[in-house]
Amino acid sequence: EREMEEYQYPREDYFTEAAAGDDFIGVQAYLRTFIGKDGPVPIPEDAERTLTGWEYFPPALGIAIRHTWNVAKCTPIIVTENGIATADDRRRIDYTFDAIAGMHDAMDDGIDVRGYLHWSLLDNYEWGSFAPTFGLASWDRDTFERHPKPSLDWLGSIARKGVMAR
C-alpha cells in the first residue's frame, strides 16, 4: 500500500487535492492503468482492447468518481468525458451501461455527481487519425451527413426516461 502511494503521489492527486472546495471537479475516465516502479504495467495479452489499444474496463468511471470524491473532500463531480473507441456499437452500449451503472452506484452511496458527458457525439479526428471511433454518430467525410448509431438513441432514452436498460 505505501509503495503504491509513493508512485501515485503527486502525479495523480496533486491537482485533485487543489480542487477541494471548488464548485465542482471534472472526472474523465476510459480505462485503468497499473503503475509499477518502472512505470505503466503492460495490459495482459488476453484483455479485451478498444480501438486505441486501451483495456476495455467500464468500472474505471465508478472507481475514478469514488477516488476523486475522497481526495477532493466531497467536492461535487461532473463527468466531463467517458466513452469507448470501438467499431462495434453493441460494445459501446455495453461499456457505457456498465460505466453509468458504476456512476449510479456511487451516487446511491451519497456521492454528488451533477452531470455526465459522453465522449463523443461524433466520430472525430482522434489521436492523429479518424480510426478510433468514439462517436454516438458517424459522418460521411464527403457530404458531412451524420449517421446516428443505435447507441445515440439508447443513451438518449436514458436521459429522457431516467431509466437504465440495455
N, C-alpha and C. Protein backbone atom coordinates (compact mmCIF):
# COMPACT_ATOMS: atom_id res chain seq x y z
N GLU A 1 0.83 -1.19 0.00
CA GLU A 1 0.00 0.00 0.00
C GLU A 1 0.87 1.25 0.00
N ARG A 2 1.83 1.33 0.89
CA ARG A 2 2.70 2.52 0.97
C ARG A 2 3.50 2.68 -0.32
N GLU A 3 3.95 1.56 -0.92
CA GLU A 3 4.71 1.65 -2.16
C GLU A 3 3.87 2.26 -3.27
N MET A 4 2.59 1.89 -3.38
CA MET A 4 1.72 2.47 -4.39
C MET A 4 1.54 3.97 -4.16
N GLU A 5 1.37 4.38 -2.91
CA GLU A 5 1.22 5.80 -2.61
C GLU A 5 2.46 6.58 -3.04
N GLU A 6 3.62 5.98 -2.86
CA GLU A 6 4.87 6.63 -3.25
C GLU A 6 4.90 6.95 -4.74
N TYR A 7 4.40 6.03 -5.57
CA TYR A 7 4.40 6.25 -7.01
C TYR A 7 3.20 7.07 -7.47
N GLN A 8 2.12 6.99 -6.72
CA GLN A 8 0.90 7.69 -7.09
C GLN A 8 1.01 9.19 -6.84
N TYR A 9 1.55 9.58 -5.72
CA TYR A 9 1.58 10.99 -5.35
C TYR A 9 2.91 11.59 -5.72
N PRO A 10 3.02 12.77 -6.28
CA PRO A 10 1.93 13.72 -6.50
C PRO A 10 1.30 13.61 -7.88
N ARG A 11 1.72 12.65 -8.67
CA ARG A 11 1.26 12.58 -10.05
C ARG A 11 -0.25 12.58 -10.19
N GLU A 12 -0.93 11.78 -9.40
CA GLU A 12 -2.36 11.63 -9.57
C GLU A 12 -3.18 12.62 -8.76
N ASP A 13 -2.81 12.85 -7.54
CA ASP A 13 -3.70 13.55 -6.63
C ASP A 13 -3.40 15.03 -6.40
N TYR A 14 -2.31 15.52 -6.88
CA TYR A 14 -1.91 16.91 -6.60
C TYR A 14 -2.99 17.91 -7.01
N PHE A 15 -3.45 17.85 -8.25
CA PHE A 15 -4.44 18.81 -8.73
C PHE A 15 -5.84 18.49 -8.19
N THR A 16 -6.10 17.23 -7.91
CA THR A 16 -7.39 16.86 -7.31
C THR A 16 -7.49 17.46 -5.92
N GLU A 17 -6.45 17.38 -5.14
CA GLU A 17 -6.45 18.00 -3.80
C GLU A 17 -6.64 19.50 -3.91
N ALA A 18 -6.02 20.12 -4.90
CA ALA A 18 -6.12 21.57 -5.07
C ALA A 18 -7.54 21.99 -5.42
N ALA A 19 -8.34 21.11 -5.99
CA ALA A 19 -9.72 21.44 -6.38
C ALA A 19 -10.71 21.30 -5.23
N ALA A 20 -10.27 20.78 -4.11
CA ALA A 20 -11.18 20.60 -2.97
C ALA A 20 -11.84 21.93 -2.62
N GLY A 21 -13.17 21.89 -2.53
CA GLY A 21 -13.92 23.09 -2.19
C GLY A 21 -14.36 23.91 -3.38
N ASP A 22 -13.92 23.57 -4.59
CA ASP A 22 -14.37 24.28 -5.79
C ASP A 22 -15.86 24.01 -6.02
N ASP A 23 -16.44 24.71 -7.00
CA ASP A 23 -17.85 24.49 -7.32
C ASP A 23 -18.09 23.06 -7.78
N PHE A 24 -17.15 22.52 -8.55
CA PHE A 24 -17.21 21.13 -8.98
C PHE A 24 -15.82 20.74 -9.48
N ILE A 25 -15.63 19.44 -9.66
CA ILE A 25 -14.41 18.93 -10.27
C ILE A 25 -14.82 17.98 -11.40
N GLY A 26 -14.13 18.08 -12.53
CA GLY A 26 -14.42 17.21 -13.66
C GLY A 26 -13.66 15.91 -13.57
N VAL A 27 -14.33 14.83 -13.93
CA VAL A 27 -13.71 13.50 -13.95
C VAL A 27 -13.81 12.96 -15.37
N GLN A 28 -12.69 12.48 -15.87
CA GLN A 28 -12.64 11.81 -17.16
C GLN A 28 -12.12 10.40 -16.93
N ALA A 29 -12.81 9.41 -17.48
CA ALA A 29 -12.38 8.03 -17.26
C ALA A 29 -12.71 7.17 -18.47
N TYR A 30 -11.73 6.41 -18.90
CA TYR A 30 -11.87 5.49 -20.02
C TYR A 30 -11.31 4.11 -19.71
N LEU A 31 -10.27 4.04 -18.90
CA LEU A 31 -9.50 2.82 -18.72
C LEU A 31 -8.86 2.81 -17.34
N ARG A 32 -8.15 1.74 -17.08
CA ARG A 32 -7.31 1.69 -15.88
C ARG A 32 -5.88 1.44 -16.33
N THR A 33 -4.95 1.95 -15.54
CA THR A 33 -3.54 1.73 -15.80
C THR A 33 -2.87 1.41 -14.47
N PHE A 34 -2.20 0.29 -14.41
CA PHE A 34 -1.43 -0.05 -13.21
C PHE A 34 -0.03 0.52 -13.38
N ILE A 35 0.49 1.11 -12.33
CA ILE A 35 1.82 1.71 -12.36
C ILE A 35 2.72 0.93 -11.41
N GLY A 36 3.83 0.46 -11.94
CA GLY A 36 4.84 -0.21 -11.14
C GLY A 36 6.02 0.72 -10.93
N LYS A 37 7.06 0.23 -10.30
CA LYS A 37 8.22 1.08 -10.02
C LYS A 37 8.91 1.56 -11.28
N ASP A 38 8.71 0.86 -12.41
CA ASP A 38 9.32 1.26 -13.68
C ASP A 38 8.33 1.92 -14.64
N GLY A 39 7.15 2.30 -14.14
CA GLY A 39 6.15 2.94 -14.98
C GLY A 39 4.94 2.06 -15.22
N PRO A 40 4.16 2.36 -16.28
CA PRO A 40 2.95 1.59 -16.54
C PRO A 40 3.24 0.11 -16.76
N VAL A 41 2.39 -0.72 -16.19
CA VAL A 41 2.48 -2.17 -16.34
C VAL A 41 1.69 -2.55 -17.58
N PRO A 42 2.25 -3.38 -18.47
CA PRO A 42 1.54 -3.75 -19.70
C PRO A 42 0.19 -4.42 -19.40
N ILE A 43 -0.73 -4.21 -20.32
CA ILE A 43 -2.05 -4.85 -20.23
C ILE A 43 -1.87 -6.33 -20.53
N PRO A 44 -2.56 -7.21 -19.81
CA PRO A 44 -2.45 -8.64 -20.12
C PRO A 44 -2.81 -8.91 -21.59
N GLU A 45 -2.11 -9.85 -22.19
CA GLU A 45 -2.31 -10.17 -23.62
C GLU A 45 -3.75 -10.56 -23.93
N ASP A 46 -4.43 -11.23 -23.00
CA ASP A 46 -5.78 -11.72 -23.26
C ASP A 46 -6.87 -10.70 -22.94
N ALA A 47 -6.51 -9.49 -22.51
CA ALA A 47 -7.50 -8.47 -22.17
C ALA A 47 -8.16 -7.93 -23.43
N GLU A 48 -9.47 -7.69 -23.35
CA GLU A 48 -10.16 -7.03 -24.46
C GLU A 48 -9.65 -5.60 -24.56
N ARG A 49 -9.43 -5.14 -25.79
CA ARG A 49 -8.89 -3.80 -26.01
C ARG A 49 -9.84 -2.99 -26.90
N THR A 50 -9.75 -1.69 -26.73
CA THR A 50 -10.51 -0.77 -27.58
C THR A 50 -9.68 -0.44 -28.82
N LEU A 51 -10.24 0.36 -29.71
CA LEU A 51 -9.51 0.73 -30.93
C LEU A 51 -8.28 1.59 -30.64
N THR A 52 -8.18 2.17 -29.46
CA THR A 52 -6.99 2.92 -29.08
C THR A 52 -5.94 2.02 -28.44
N GLY A 53 -6.27 0.74 -28.25
CA GLY A 53 -5.35 -0.20 -27.60
C GLY A 53 -5.49 -0.22 -26.09
N TRP A 54 -6.42 0.57 -25.56
CA TRP A 54 -6.64 0.60 -24.12
C TRP A 54 -7.43 -0.62 -23.69
N GLU A 55 -7.27 -1.00 -22.44
CA GLU A 55 -8.05 -2.11 -21.89
C GLU A 55 -9.52 -1.71 -21.79
N TYR A 56 -10.40 -2.60 -22.19
CA TYR A 56 -11.85 -2.42 -22.03
C TYR A 56 -12.14 -2.60 -20.54
N PHE A 57 -12.47 -1.50 -19.85
CA PHE A 57 -12.66 -1.58 -18.40
C PHE A 57 -13.68 -0.53 -17.94
N PRO A 58 -14.98 -0.81 -18.13
CA PRO A 58 -16.01 0.15 -17.74
C PRO A 58 -16.02 0.55 -16.26
N PRO A 59 -15.60 -0.30 -15.31
CA PRO A 59 -15.60 0.12 -13.91
C PRO A 59 -14.69 1.31 -13.61
N ALA A 60 -13.85 1.70 -14.58
CA ALA A 60 -12.95 2.83 -14.37
C ALA A 60 -13.70 4.08 -13.95
N LEU A 61 -14.88 4.30 -14.50
CA LEU A 61 -15.62 5.52 -14.17
C LEU A 61 -16.03 5.55 -12.70
N GLY A 62 -16.64 4.49 -12.22
CA GLY A 62 -17.05 4.47 -10.81
C GLY A 62 -15.87 4.57 -9.87
N ILE A 63 -14.77 3.92 -10.21
CA ILE A 63 -13.56 3.98 -9.39
C ILE A 63 -13.02 5.41 -9.37
N ALA A 64 -12.97 6.06 -10.53
CA ALA A 64 -12.46 7.44 -10.61
C ALA A 64 -13.35 8.40 -9.83
N ILE A 65 -14.65 8.23 -9.92
CA ILE A 65 -15.58 9.08 -9.17
C ILE A 65 -15.36 8.94 -7.68
N ARG A 66 -15.29 7.72 -7.20
CA ARG A 66 -15.10 7.49 -5.76
C ARG A 66 -13.75 8.05 -5.29
N HIS A 67 -12.71 7.82 -6.07
CA HIS A 67 -11.38 8.31 -5.70
C HIS A 67 -11.38 9.83 -5.65
N THR A 68 -11.94 10.46 -6.67
CA THR A 68 -11.97 11.92 -6.73
C THR A 68 -12.78 12.51 -5.59
N TRP A 69 -13.90 11.92 -5.29
CA TRP A 69 -14.77 12.37 -4.19
C TRP A 69 -14.00 12.36 -2.87
N ASN A 70 -13.25 11.31 -2.63
CA ASN A 70 -12.49 11.21 -1.38
C ASN A 70 -11.32 12.18 -1.34
N VAL A 71 -10.57 12.26 -2.42
CA VAL A 71 -9.38 13.12 -2.44
C VAL A 71 -9.75 14.60 -2.45
N ALA A 72 -10.81 14.95 -3.17
CA ALA A 72 -11.23 16.36 -3.27
C ALA A 72 -12.19 16.75 -2.15
N LYS A 73 -12.23 15.92 -1.13
CA LYS A 73 -13.01 16.22 0.08
C LYS A 73 -14.47 16.58 -0.21
N CYS A 74 -15.13 15.68 -0.94
CA CYS A 74 -16.56 15.78 -1.21
C CYS A 74 -16.95 16.96 -2.10
N THR A 75 -16.06 17.36 -2.99
CA THR A 75 -16.38 18.39 -3.98
C THR A 75 -17.32 17.76 -5.02
N PRO A 76 -18.41 18.44 -5.40
CA PRO A 76 -19.31 17.88 -6.41
C PRO A 76 -18.56 17.53 -7.70
N ILE A 77 -19.06 16.51 -8.39
CA ILE A 77 -18.39 15.96 -9.57
C ILE A 77 -19.27 16.10 -10.81
N ILE A 78 -18.64 16.42 -11.92
CA ILE A 78 -19.27 16.33 -13.24
C ILE A 78 -18.37 15.42 -14.07
N VAL A 79 -18.95 14.38 -14.65
CA VAL A 79 -18.19 13.52 -15.56
C VAL A 79 -18.09 14.28 -16.87
N THR A 80 -16.88 14.73 -17.19
CA THR A 80 -16.67 15.56 -18.37
C THR A 80 -16.27 14.74 -19.60
N GLU A 81 -15.86 13.51 -19.42
CA GLU A 81 -15.59 12.61 -20.54
C GLU A 81 -15.67 11.17 -20.07
N ASN A 82 -16.36 10.36 -20.87
CA ASN A 82 -16.38 8.91 -20.67
C ASN A 82 -16.89 8.30 -21.96
N GLY A 83 -16.22 7.29 -22.45
CA GLY A 83 -16.65 6.64 -23.68
C GLY A 83 -15.68 5.55 -24.08
N ILE A 84 -15.87 5.04 -25.28
CA ILE A 84 -15.06 3.93 -25.77
C ILE A 84 -14.85 4.06 -27.28
N ALA A 85 -13.66 3.77 -27.71
CA ALA A 85 -13.35 3.71 -29.15
C ALA A 85 -13.59 2.28 -29.61
N THR A 86 -14.65 2.09 -30.39
CA THR A 86 -14.99 0.76 -30.89
C THR A 86 -15.75 0.88 -32.19
N ALA A 87 -15.58 -0.12 -33.05
CA ALA A 87 -16.36 -0.19 -34.29
C ALA A 87 -17.67 -0.94 -34.07
N ASP A 88 -17.80 -1.61 -32.92
CA ASP A 88 -18.97 -2.42 -32.59
C ASP A 88 -19.86 -1.62 -31.64
N ASP A 89 -20.92 -1.05 -32.16
CA ASP A 89 -21.77 -0.18 -31.35
C ASP A 89 -22.45 -0.93 -30.20
N ARG A 90 -22.63 -2.23 -30.33
CA ARG A 90 -23.17 -3.01 -29.20
C ARG A 90 -22.21 -2.99 -28.02
N ARG A 91 -20.90 -3.00 -28.30
CA ARG A 91 -19.90 -2.92 -27.22
C ARG A 91 -19.92 -1.52 -26.60
N ARG A 92 -20.20 -0.48 -27.41
CA ARG A 92 -20.31 0.88 -26.88
C ARG A 92 -21.45 0.94 -25.87
N ILE A 93 -22.58 0.34 -26.23
CA ILE A 93 -23.73 0.32 -25.31
C ILE A 93 -23.37 -0.47 -24.05
N ASP A 94 -22.76 -1.64 -24.21
CA ASP A 94 -22.37 -2.45 -23.04
C ASP A 94 -21.42 -1.68 -22.13
N TYR A 95 -20.40 -1.08 -22.72
CA TYR A 95 -19.40 -0.32 -21.96
C TYR A 95 -20.06 0.84 -21.23
N THR A 96 -20.85 1.61 -21.94
CA THR A 96 -21.47 2.80 -21.35
C THR A 96 -22.47 2.42 -20.27
N PHE A 97 -23.23 1.36 -20.51
CA PHE A 97 -24.16 0.88 -19.48
C PHE A 97 -23.42 0.56 -18.19
N ASP A 98 -22.35 -0.21 -18.30
CA ASP A 98 -21.59 -0.60 -17.10
C ASP A 98 -20.91 0.60 -16.45
N ALA A 99 -20.41 1.54 -17.25
CA ALA A 99 -19.78 2.75 -16.69
C ALA A 99 -20.81 3.59 -15.94
N ILE A 100 -21.97 3.80 -16.55
CA ILE A 100 -23.02 4.60 -15.90
C ILE A 100 -23.55 3.87 -14.67
N ALA A 101 -23.62 2.55 -14.71
CA ALA A 101 -24.05 1.79 -13.53
C ALA A 101 -23.09 2.04 -12.36
N GLY A 102 -21.78 2.08 -12.65
CA GLY A 102 -20.81 2.39 -11.60
C GLY A 102 -20.99 3.80 -11.05
N MET A 103 -21.29 4.74 -11.94
CA MET A 103 -21.57 6.11 -11.51
C MET A 103 -22.83 6.14 -10.64
N HIS A 104 -23.86 5.43 -11.07
CA HIS A 104 -25.12 5.39 -10.32
C HIS A 104 -24.91 4.78 -8.94
N ASP A 105 -24.12 3.71 -8.85
CA ASP A 105 -23.81 3.11 -7.54
C ASP A 105 -23.12 4.11 -6.63
N ALA A 106 -22.19 4.89 -7.17
CA ALA A 106 -21.51 5.92 -6.37
C ALA A 106 -22.51 6.97 -5.90
N MET A 107 -23.44 7.35 -6.76
CA MET A 107 -24.47 8.32 -6.38
C MET A 107 -25.37 7.74 -5.29
N ASP A 108 -25.72 6.46 -5.40
CA ASP A 108 -26.53 5.81 -4.37
C ASP A 108 -25.82 5.82 -3.02
N ASP A 109 -24.50 5.84 -3.05
CA ASP A 109 -23.71 5.89 -1.81
C ASP A 109 -23.50 7.32 -1.31
N GLY A 110 -24.16 8.29 -1.94
CA GLY A 110 -24.12 9.67 -1.46
C GLY A 110 -23.14 10.59 -2.16
N ILE A 111 -22.47 10.11 -3.20
CA ILE A 111 -21.53 10.96 -3.93
C ILE A 111 -22.33 11.89 -4.85
N ASP A 112 -22.00 13.16 -4.79
CA ASP A 112 -22.72 14.21 -5.51
C ASP A 112 -22.17 14.32 -6.95
N VAL A 113 -22.82 13.59 -7.87
CA VAL A 113 -22.46 13.66 -9.29
C VAL A 113 -23.55 14.48 -9.96
N ARG A 114 -23.15 15.59 -10.58
CA ARG A 114 -24.12 16.54 -11.12
C ARG A 114 -24.33 16.45 -12.62
N GLY A 115 -23.52 15.67 -13.31
CA GLY A 115 -23.71 15.56 -14.74
C GLY A 115 -22.81 14.51 -15.36
N TYR A 116 -23.17 14.11 -16.57
CA TYR A 116 -22.41 13.10 -17.33
C TYR A 116 -22.36 13.53 -18.79
N LEU A 117 -21.16 13.65 -19.33
CA LEU A 117 -20.95 13.96 -20.74
C LEU A 117 -20.26 12.78 -21.41
N HIS A 118 -20.92 12.24 -22.41
CA HIS A 118 -20.35 11.10 -23.13
C HIS A 118 -19.37 11.61 -24.19
N TRP A 119 -18.25 10.92 -24.34
CA TRP A 119 -17.31 11.25 -25.40
C TRP A 119 -17.44 10.19 -26.47
N SER A 120 -17.94 10.52 -27.57
CA SER A 120 -18.25 11.82 -28.12
C SER A 120 -19.54 11.70 -28.90
N LEU A 121 -20.15 12.85 -29.23
CA LEU A 121 -21.33 12.80 -30.09
C LEU A 121 -20.94 12.24 -31.46
N LEU A 122 -19.88 12.78 -32.05
CA LEU A 122 -19.48 12.38 -33.39
C LEU A 122 -18.15 11.65 -33.39
N ASP A 123 -18.01 10.70 -34.29
CA ASP A 123 -16.68 10.18 -34.59
C ASP A 123 -15.86 11.38 -35.04
N ASN A 124 -14.60 11.44 -34.68
CA ASN A 124 -13.81 12.63 -34.99
C ASN A 124 -12.35 12.28 -35.25
N TYR A 125 -11.56 13.29 -35.42
CA TYR A 125 -10.11 13.12 -35.60
C TYR A 125 -9.51 13.00 -34.22
N GLU A 126 -9.07 11.83 -33.87
CA GLU A 126 -8.67 11.49 -32.51
C GLU A 126 -7.31 10.83 -32.55
N TRP A 127 -6.38 11.34 -31.79
CA TRP A 127 -5.06 10.71 -31.66
C TRP A 127 -4.37 10.53 -33.02
N GLY A 128 -4.51 11.53 -33.89
CA GLY A 128 -3.81 11.50 -35.17
C GLY A 128 -4.48 10.71 -36.26
N SER A 129 -5.75 10.32 -36.08
CA SER A 129 -6.42 9.53 -37.10
C SER A 129 -7.93 9.58 -36.90
N PHE A 130 -8.65 9.14 -37.93
CA PHE A 130 -10.11 9.01 -37.83
C PHE A 130 -10.50 7.61 -37.36
N ALA A 131 -9.51 6.73 -37.13
CA ALA A 131 -9.79 5.32 -36.84
C ALA A 131 -10.43 5.05 -35.48
N PRO A 132 -10.02 5.70 -34.38
CA PRO A 132 -10.66 5.36 -33.11
C PRO A 132 -12.03 6.03 -32.99
N THR A 133 -13.07 5.31 -33.38
CA THR A 133 -14.42 5.87 -33.41
C THR A 133 -15.08 5.83 -32.04
N PHE A 134 -15.13 7.00 -31.41
CA PHE A 134 -15.76 7.17 -30.10
C PHE A 134 -17.22 7.59 -30.21
N GLY A 135 -17.67 8.03 -31.37
CA GLY A 135 -18.94 8.73 -31.51
C GLY A 135 -20.19 7.89 -31.39
N LEU A 136 -21.25 8.61 -30.97
CA LEU A 136 -22.60 8.06 -30.97
C LEU A 136 -23.23 8.21 -32.35
N ALA A 137 -22.54 8.95 -33.22
CA ALA A 137 -22.95 9.11 -34.61
C ALA A 137 -21.70 9.13 -35.48
N SER A 138 -21.80 8.50 -36.64
CA SER A 138 -20.72 8.59 -37.63
C SER A 138 -21.08 9.70 -38.61
N TRP A 139 -20.18 9.97 -39.54
CA TRP A 139 -20.46 11.01 -40.54
C TRP A 139 -19.73 10.69 -41.83
N ASP A 140 -20.30 11.15 -42.90
CA ASP A 140 -19.74 10.95 -44.23
C ASP A 140 -18.73 12.06 -44.50
N ARG A 141 -17.49 11.70 -44.79
CA ARG A 141 -16.43 12.70 -44.99
C ARG A 141 -16.62 13.53 -46.26
N ASP A 142 -17.41 13.06 -47.20
CA ASP A 142 -17.65 13.82 -48.42
C ASP A 142 -18.84 14.78 -48.29
N THR A 143 -19.93 14.29 -47.68
CA THR A 143 -21.14 15.10 -47.58
C THR A 143 -21.35 15.72 -46.20
N PHE A 144 -20.60 15.23 -45.22
CA PHE A 144 -20.72 15.63 -43.81
C PHE A 144 -22.07 15.22 -43.19
N GLU A 145 -22.81 14.37 -43.87
CA GLU A 145 -24.08 13.86 -43.35
C GLU A 145 -23.80 13.01 -42.11
N ARG A 146 -24.59 13.22 -41.10
CA ARG A 146 -24.44 12.46 -39.85
C ARG A 146 -25.31 11.21 -39.88
N HIS A 147 -24.79 10.13 -39.30
CA HIS A 147 -25.50 8.86 -39.26
C HIS A 147 -25.57 8.39 -37.81
N PRO A 148 -26.71 8.61 -37.15
CA PRO A 148 -26.84 8.18 -35.75
C PRO A 148 -26.66 6.67 -35.62
N LYS A 149 -25.96 6.27 -34.57
CA LYS A 149 -25.78 4.86 -34.27
C LYS A 149 -26.85 4.47 -33.23
N PRO A 150 -27.15 3.19 -33.08
CA PRO A 150 -28.13 2.78 -32.06
C PRO A 150 -27.77 3.29 -30.66
N SER A 151 -26.48 3.43 -30.37
CA SER A 151 -26.07 3.91 -29.04
C SER A 151 -26.58 5.32 -28.76
N LEU A 152 -26.75 6.14 -29.78
CA LEU A 152 -27.25 7.51 -29.58
C LEU A 152 -28.67 7.47 -29.05
N ASP A 153 -29.53 6.69 -29.69
CA ASP A 153 -30.92 6.57 -29.23
C ASP A 153 -30.97 5.92 -27.85
N TRP A 154 -30.12 4.92 -27.64
CA TRP A 154 -30.09 4.22 -26.35
C TRP A 154 -29.73 5.19 -25.23
N LEU A 155 -28.66 5.96 -25.39
CA LEU A 155 -28.24 6.89 -24.34
C LEU A 155 -29.29 8.00 -24.18
N GLY A 156 -29.84 8.47 -25.28
CA GLY A 156 -30.89 9.48 -25.20
C GLY A 156 -32.10 8.99 -24.43
N SER A 157 -32.44 7.71 -24.59
CA SER A 157 -33.61 7.17 -23.87
C SER A 157 -33.37 7.16 -22.36
N ILE A 158 -32.13 6.95 -21.96
CA ILE A 158 -31.81 7.01 -20.52
C ILE A 158 -32.05 8.44 -20.01
N ALA A 159 -31.60 9.42 -20.77
CA ALA A 159 -31.79 10.81 -20.38
C ALA A 159 -33.27 11.19 -20.36
N ARG A 160 -34.04 10.72 -21.36
CA ARG A 160 -35.46 11.06 -21.43
C ARG A 160 -36.28 10.38 -20.34
N LYS A 161 -36.01 9.11 -20.09
CA LYS A 161 -36.83 8.32 -19.18
C LYS A 161 -36.29 8.25 -17.76
N GLY A 162 -34.97 8.47 -17.62
CA GLY A 162 -34.36 8.34 -16.30
C GLY A 162 -34.26 6.89 -15.85
N VAL A 163 -34.30 5.97 -16.81
CA VAL A 163 -34.26 4.54 -16.51
C VAL A 163 -33.17 3.90 -17.35
N MET A 164 -32.32 3.10 -16.70
CA MET A 164 -31.26 2.40 -17.44
C MET A 164 -31.73 1.02 -17.85
N ALA A 165 -31.59 0.74 -19.13
CA ALA A 165 -31.86 -0.60 -19.67
C ALA A 165 -30.97 -0.76 -20.89
N ARG A 166 -30.59 -1.99 -21.18
CA ARG A 166 -29.75 -2.24 -22.36
C ARG A 166 -30.60 -2.30 -23.60
